[in-house]
C-alpha cells in the first residue's frame, strides 16, 4: 500500500469519526433540551401544589373547633340546629 492510500483511508476514517461524534453530540443536545423542558414543567407543578397546600392550610386554620364539631354533626350524624328544617332526598 502506498502512502497516498493510507493517507486517504486515514482521512475517511477521521471524517466518519467526526460525523459520529457530531451525531452523538446532537442527540445529547436534544435529550438535554427535552429533560430541561420536563424539569421546568415539574417545577411549575410543584409551585402549583405548594400554593394549593398553603390555601388548604389557611382554610384549616380558619375553622374553629366549634365549626369542626358542627360540620361533623351535620355531615356524619345528620343532626340539625334547633328550628332548622332539613330535607332528605330518597331515590
Protein backbone atom coordinates (compact mmCIF):
# COMPACT_ATOMS: atom_id res chain seq x y z
CA UNK A 1 0.00 0.00 0.00
CA UNK A 2 1.28 3.40 -0.85
CA UNK A 3 1.39 6.40 1.38
CA UNK A 4 -1.37 8.07 -0.60
CA UNK A 5 -3.81 5.20 0.01
CA UNK A 6 -3.01 5.10 3.74
CA UNK A 7 -3.45 8.84 3.98
CA UNK A 8 -6.77 8.60 2.07
CA UNK A 9 -8.07 5.81 4.35
CA UNK A 10 -7.00 7.76 7.42
CA UNK A 11 -8.88 10.83 6.18
CA UNK A 12 -12.01 8.74 5.50
CA UNK A 13 -11.80 7.22 8.98
CA UNK A 14 -11.26 10.66 10.50
CA UNK A 15 -14.28 12.12 8.67
CA UNK A 16 -16.51 9.19 9.71
CA UNK A 17 -15.39 9.55 13.32
CA UNK A 18 -16.09 13.28 13.17
CA UNK A 19 -19.61 12.64 11.83
CA UNK A 20 -20.22 10.03 14.55
CA UNK A 21 -19.13 12.38 17.30
CA UNK A 22 -21.22 15.20 15.83
CA UNK A 23 -24.28 12.96 15.67
CA UNK A 24 -23.88 11.86 19.29
CA UNK A 25 -23.40 15.47 20.38
CA UNK A 26 -26.58 16.50 18.59
CA UNK A 27 -28.54 13.61 20.17
CA UNK A 28 -27.24 14.60 23.58
CA UNK A 29 -28.33 18.18 22.96
CA UNK A 30 -31.86 17.07 22.04
CA UNK A 31 -32.14 14.85 25.12
CA UNK A 32 -30.85 17.66 27.35
CA UNK A 33 -33.39 20.05 25.84
CA UNK A 34 -36.25 17.59 26.50
CA UNK A 35 -35.10 16.95 30.07
CA UNK A 36 -34.87 20.70 30.72
CA UNK A 37 -38.43 21.11 29.47
CA UNK A 38 -39.64 18.32 31.77
CA UNK A 39 -37.81 19.89 34.73
CA UNK A 40 -39.49 23.25 34.09
CA UNK A 41 -42.92 21.60 33.88
CA UNK A 42 -42.29 19.67 37.08
CA UNK A 43 -41.10 22.80 38.89
CA UNK A 44 -44.28 24.57 37.76
CA UNK A 45 -46.41 21.72 39.12
CA UNK A 46 -44.50 21.81 42.41
CA UNK A 47 -45.20 25.55 42.71
CA UNK A 48 -48.91 25.00 41.98
CA UNK A 49 -49.15 22.24 44.59
CA UNK A 50 -47.28 24.38 47.13
CA UNK A 51 -49.80 27.16 46.55
CA UNK A 52 -52.71 24.73 46.96
CA UNK A 53 -51.12 23.44 50.16
CA UNK A 54 -50.86 26.98 51.55
CA UNK A 55 -54.52 27.65 50.76
CA UNK A 56 -55.62 24.39 52.39
CA UNK A 57 -53.53 25.07 55.47
CA UNK A 58 -55.05 28.54 55.66
CA UNK A 59 -58.55 27.07 55.41
CA UNK A 60 -57.77 24.58 58.17
CA UNK A 61 -56.59 27.36 60.47
CA UNK A 62 -59.73 29.38 59.76
CA UNK A 63 -62.05 26.66 61.00
CA UNK A 64 -62.68 26.90 64.70
CA UNK A 65 -63.16 23.82 66.82
CA UNK A 66 -66.88 24.62 67.10
CA UNK A 67 -67.25 24.74 63.31
CA UNK A 68 -65.49 21.38 63.01
CA UNK A 69 -67.88 19.82 65.52
CA UNK A 70 -70.89 21.33 63.77
CA UNK A 71 -69.74 20.09 60.38
CA UNK A 72 -69.21 16.54 61.67
CA UNK A 73 -72.62 16.64 63.38
CA UNK A 74 -74.32 17.75 60.17
CA UNK A 75 -72.43 15.60 57.67
CA UNK A 76 -71.89 12.36 59.53
CA UNK A 77 -74.60 12.30 62.16
CA UNK A 78 -77.35 14.05 60.15
CA UNK A 79 -78.09 16.45 63.03
CA UNK A 80 -79.67 19.88 62.60
CA UNK A 81 -79.89 23.15 64.52
CA UNK A 82 -82.91 23.99 66.62
CA UNK A 83 -85.72 25.33 64.45
CA UNK A 84 -83.96 24.31 61.24
CA UNK A 85 -85.80 22.26 58.62
CA UNK A 86 -83.86 19.65 56.67
CA UNK A 87 -84.92 17.58 53.73
CA UNK A 88 -83.74 14.11 52.83
CA UNK A 89 -83.83 13.10 49.19
CA UNK A 90 -84.79 9.48 48.68
CA UNK A 91 -84.03 7.85 45.38
